[in-house]
Amino acid sequence: MTTGDRNRKAYAAQIEALKIPRGALGDLVQTILESNGAVRFSAPGMSMLPFIRDQDVLTLYPLEGRQPSWGDVVAFIHPQLGTLVVHRLVGRRGALFKIKGDNARSIDLVPQEMILGRVTQVERNGKLIRLGLGAERRWIAWLSALGLLMPLARLAAVFFRLFRAGKQ
């Protein structure tokens, strides 16, 4: 185990031990990103399945003046709830960004000033998860915006299980 691995595990354990309430987490994340720092925290919830799972560790960086682009996974303060949310950008409507969880039905309309930063890394059980943040993020956003992502993911899971069962 390298020093970097030990540091990441220790940091993830510290995050887990803190158990910061979601509302306070949004304030903390906003403060850190405004000072151009990066933030790592455990993802709460299932709204980004299958690409981000509950308790995956996310690394979030500030936008640094650039516009978020289609397919980016962004963190924002929910306009109605006032809590931190991490979902995918799936389009625009005028000055508002359309943002949707990969496993959610509804789309949130969010002004750019509510977007805090973008997810640049996902870790699951100490391993980097690359799927969902690369060039494929645009296809994922398109399928999600059309409401096809989860039905296709479920269908793929059925075929995968049948394929694996047939090989045994």
Protein backbone atom coordinates (compact mmCIF):
# COMPACT_ATOMS: atom_id res chain seq x y z
CA MET A 1 0.00 0.00 0.00
CA THR A 2 1.45 3.39 -1.02
CA THR A 3 1.48 6.52 1.13
CA GLY A 4 -1.14 8.06 -1.18
CA ASP A 5 -3.44 5.06 -0.67
CA ARG A 6 -3.04 5.29 3.11
CA ASN A 7 -3.75 9.03 3.03
CA ARG A 8 -6.88 8.53 0.88
CA LYS A 9 -8.19 5.83 3.22
CA ALA A 10 -7.47 7.94 6.30
CA TYR A 11 -9.18 10.95 4.72
CA ALA A 12 -12.22 8.88 3.69
CA ALA A 13 -12.42 7.55 7.27
CA GLN A 14 -12.34 11.13 8.59
CA ILE A 15 -15.16 12.11 6.24
CA GLU A 16 -17.18 9.07 7.34
CA ALA A 17 -16.61 9.95 11.00
CA LEU A 18 -17.81 13.54 10.53
CA LYS A 19 -21.35 12.69 9.34
CA ILE A 20 -22.08 16.29 8.36
CA PRO A 21 -25.80 17.02 7.78
CA ARG A 22 -26.63 17.64 4.10
CA GLY A 23 -27.56 21.31 4.59
CA ALA A 24 -24.31 22.05 6.41
CA LEU A 25 -22.35 20.00 3.86
CA GLY A 26 -23.55 22.34 1.11
CA ASP A 27 -22.31 25.38 3.03
CA LEU A 28 -18.96 23.71 3.74
CA VAL A 29 -18.48 22.58 0.12
CA GLN A 30 -19.39 26.05 -1.16
CA THR A 31 -16.86 27.73 1.16
CA ILE A 32 -14.05 25.35 0.18
CA LEU A 33 -14.73 25.59 -3.56
CA GLU A 34 -14.92 29.40 -3.42
CA SER A 35 -11.34 29.35 -2.12
CA ASN A 36 -10.40 27.15 -5.15
CA GLY A 37 -9.95 24.02 -3.06
CA ALA A 38 -11.06 20.49 -3.91
CA VAL A 39 -13.57 18.59 -1.78
CA ARG A 40 -13.94 14.83 -1.22
CA PHE A 41 -17.06 13.41 0.40
CA SER A 42 -19.21 10.30 0.42
CA ALA A 43 -22.16 10.41 -1.95
CA PRO A 44 -25.44 10.07 -0.07
CA GLY A 45 -28.32 8.36 -1.86
CA MET A 46 -29.19 6.41 -4.98
CA SER A 47 -30.22 9.13 -7.44
CA MET A 48 -27.08 8.68 -9.58
CA LEU A 49 -27.21 4.89 -9.97
CA PRO A 50 -25.74 3.02 -11.77
CA PHE A 51 -22.67 5.27 -12.23
CA ILE A 52 -22.43 6.70 -8.70
CA ARG A 53 -23.56 4.54 -5.80
CA ASP A 54 -24.45 5.40 -2.22
CA GLN A 55 -21.23 5.98 -0.23
CA ASP A 56 -18.94 6.29 -3.27
CA VAL A 57 -16.32 8.94 -2.54
CA LEU A 58 -16.59 11.91 -4.90
CA THR A 59 -13.91 14.50 -5.65
CA LEU A 60 -15.33 17.88 -6.53
CA TYR A 61 -13.44 20.81 -8.09
CA PRO A 62 -14.62 24.40 -8.62
CA LEU A 63 -15.71 25.42 -12.12
CA GLU A 64 -13.00 28.14 -12.10
CA GLY A 65 -14.98 30.45 -14.35
CA ARG A 66 -15.80 27.89 -17.03
CA GLN A 67 -19.34 26.92 -17.91
CA PRO A 68 -20.35 23.39 -17.00
CA SER A 69 -20.82 21.30 -20.11
CA TRP A 70 -23.40 18.77 -21.20
CA GLY A 71 -22.92 15.48 -19.38
CA ASP A 72 -20.84 16.90 -16.51
CA VAL A 73 -21.73 15.62 -13.05
CA VAL A 74 -22.11 18.78 -10.99
CA ALA A 75 -22.80 19.69 -7.38
CA PHE A 76 -25.36 22.41 -6.75
CA ILE A 77 -27.47 23.85 -4.00
CA HIS A 78 -31.04 22.73 -4.74
CA PRO A 79 -33.13 25.87 -5.41
CA GLN A 80 -36.14 24.70 -3.37
CA LEU A 81 -34.55 22.48 -0.70
CA GLY A 82 -31.35 24.43 -0.05
CA THR A 83 -29.34 21.17 0.19
CA LEU A 84 -26.30 19.92 -1.68
CA VAL A 85 -27.20 17.70 -4.67
CA VAL A 86 -24.90 15.94 -7.15
CA HIS A 87 -26.55 15.22 -10.52
CA ARG A 88 -25.76 15.27 -14.25
CA LEU A 89 -26.21 18.28 -16.54
CA VAL A 90 -28.57 17.14 -19.33
CA GLY A 91 -29.41 20.39 -21.12
CA ARG A 92 -30.28 24.07 -20.93
CA ARG A 93 -33.42 26.15 -20.95
CA GLY A 94 -32.44 29.75 -21.53
CA ALA A 95 -30.20 30.85 -18.66
CA LEU A 96 -31.07 27.76 -16.59
CA PHE A 97 -29.30 24.42 -16.61
CA LYS A 98 -31.33 21.20 -16.74
CA ILE A 99 -29.85 18.86 -14.16
CA LYS A 100 -31.06 15.32 -13.47
CA GLY A 101 -30.00 12.32 -11.44
CA ASP A 102 -29.21 9.31 -13.63
CA ASN A 103 -31.74 7.31 -11.58
CA ALA A 104 -34.26 10.14 -11.10
CA ARG A 105 -37.39 11.00 -13.04
CA SER A 106 -37.51 14.75 -12.58
CA ILE A 107 -35.26 17.45 -13.99
CA ASP A 108 -34.21 20.43 -11.89
CA LEU A 109 -33.79 23.85 -13.48
CA VAL A 110 -30.79 25.48 -11.84
CA PRO A 111 -29.19 28.90 -12.41
CA GLN A 112 -25.41 28.80 -12.92
CA GLU A 113 -24.74 30.68 -9.67
CA MET A 114 -26.20 27.70 -7.74
CA ILE A 115 -23.71 25.27 -9.35
CA LEU A 116 -20.74 24.84 -7.02
CA GLY A 117 -18.41 22.57 -8.95
CA ARG A 118 -17.95 19.45 -11.01
CA VAL A 119 -17.17 15.86 -10.02
CA THR A 120 -13.79 14.84 -11.41
CA GLN A 121 -13.32 11.49 -9.68
CA VAL A 122 -15.41 8.69 -8.20
CA GLU A 123 -13.93 6.07 -5.85
CA ARG A 124 -15.67 2.86 -4.84
CA ASN A 125 -14.04 0.58 -2.27
CA GLY A 126 -10.70 2.32 -2.84
CA LYS A 127 -10.79 1.90 -6.64
CA LEU A 128 -11.27 4.65 -9.22
CA ILE A 129 -14.47 4.40 -11.25
CA ARG A 130 -14.02 6.02 -14.64
CA LEU A 131 -17.29 5.08 -16.35
CA GLY A 132 -19.70 8.01 -16.43
CA LEU A 133 -17.20 10.88 -16.32
CA GLY A 134 -15.38 10.44 -19.65
CA ALA A 135 -16.55 11.08 -23.22
CA GLU A 136 -19.50 8.70 -22.64
CA ARG A 137 -21.00 11.26 -20.22
CA ARG A 138 -22.65 13.03 -23.19
CA TRP A 139 -24.42 9.81 -24.28
CA ILE A 140 -25.47 9.20 -20.69
CA ALA A 141 -26.88 12.74 -20.45
CA TRP A 142 -28.77 12.30 -23.72
CA LEU A 143 -30.30 8.97 -22.65
CA SER A 144 -31.10 10.37 -19.20
CA ALA A 145 -32.81 13.46 -20.62
CA LEU A 146 -34.98 11.20 -22.80
CA GLY A 147 -35.84 8.97 -19.81
CA LEU A 148 -34.19 5.96 -21.46
CA LEU A 149 -31.09 5.51 -19.31
CA MET A 150 -32.53 3.40 -16.49
CA PRO A 151 -34.75 1.18 -18.68
CA LEU A 152 -31.71 0.43 -20.88
CA ALA A 153 -29.50 -0.16 -17.81
CA ARG A 154 -32.04 -2.62 -16.41
CA LEU A 155 -32.29 -4.41 -19.76
CA ALA A 156 -28.48 -4.61 -19.99
CA ALA A 157 -28.34 -6.05 -16.45
CA VAL A 158 -30.82 -8.79 -17.40
CA PHE A 159 -28.81 -9.72 -20.51
CA PHE A 160 -25.57 -9.66 -18.51
CA ARG A 161 -27.04 -12.02 -15.88
CA LEU A 162 -28.34 -14.37 -18.60
CA PHE A 163 -24.98 -14.30 -20.37
CA ARG A 164 -23.11 -15.11 -17.13
CA ALA A 165 -25.58 -17.89 -16.26
CA GLY A 166 -25.10 -19.40 -19.73
CA LYS A 167 -21.31 -19.50 -19.30
CA GLN A 168 -21.53 -21.58 -16.11
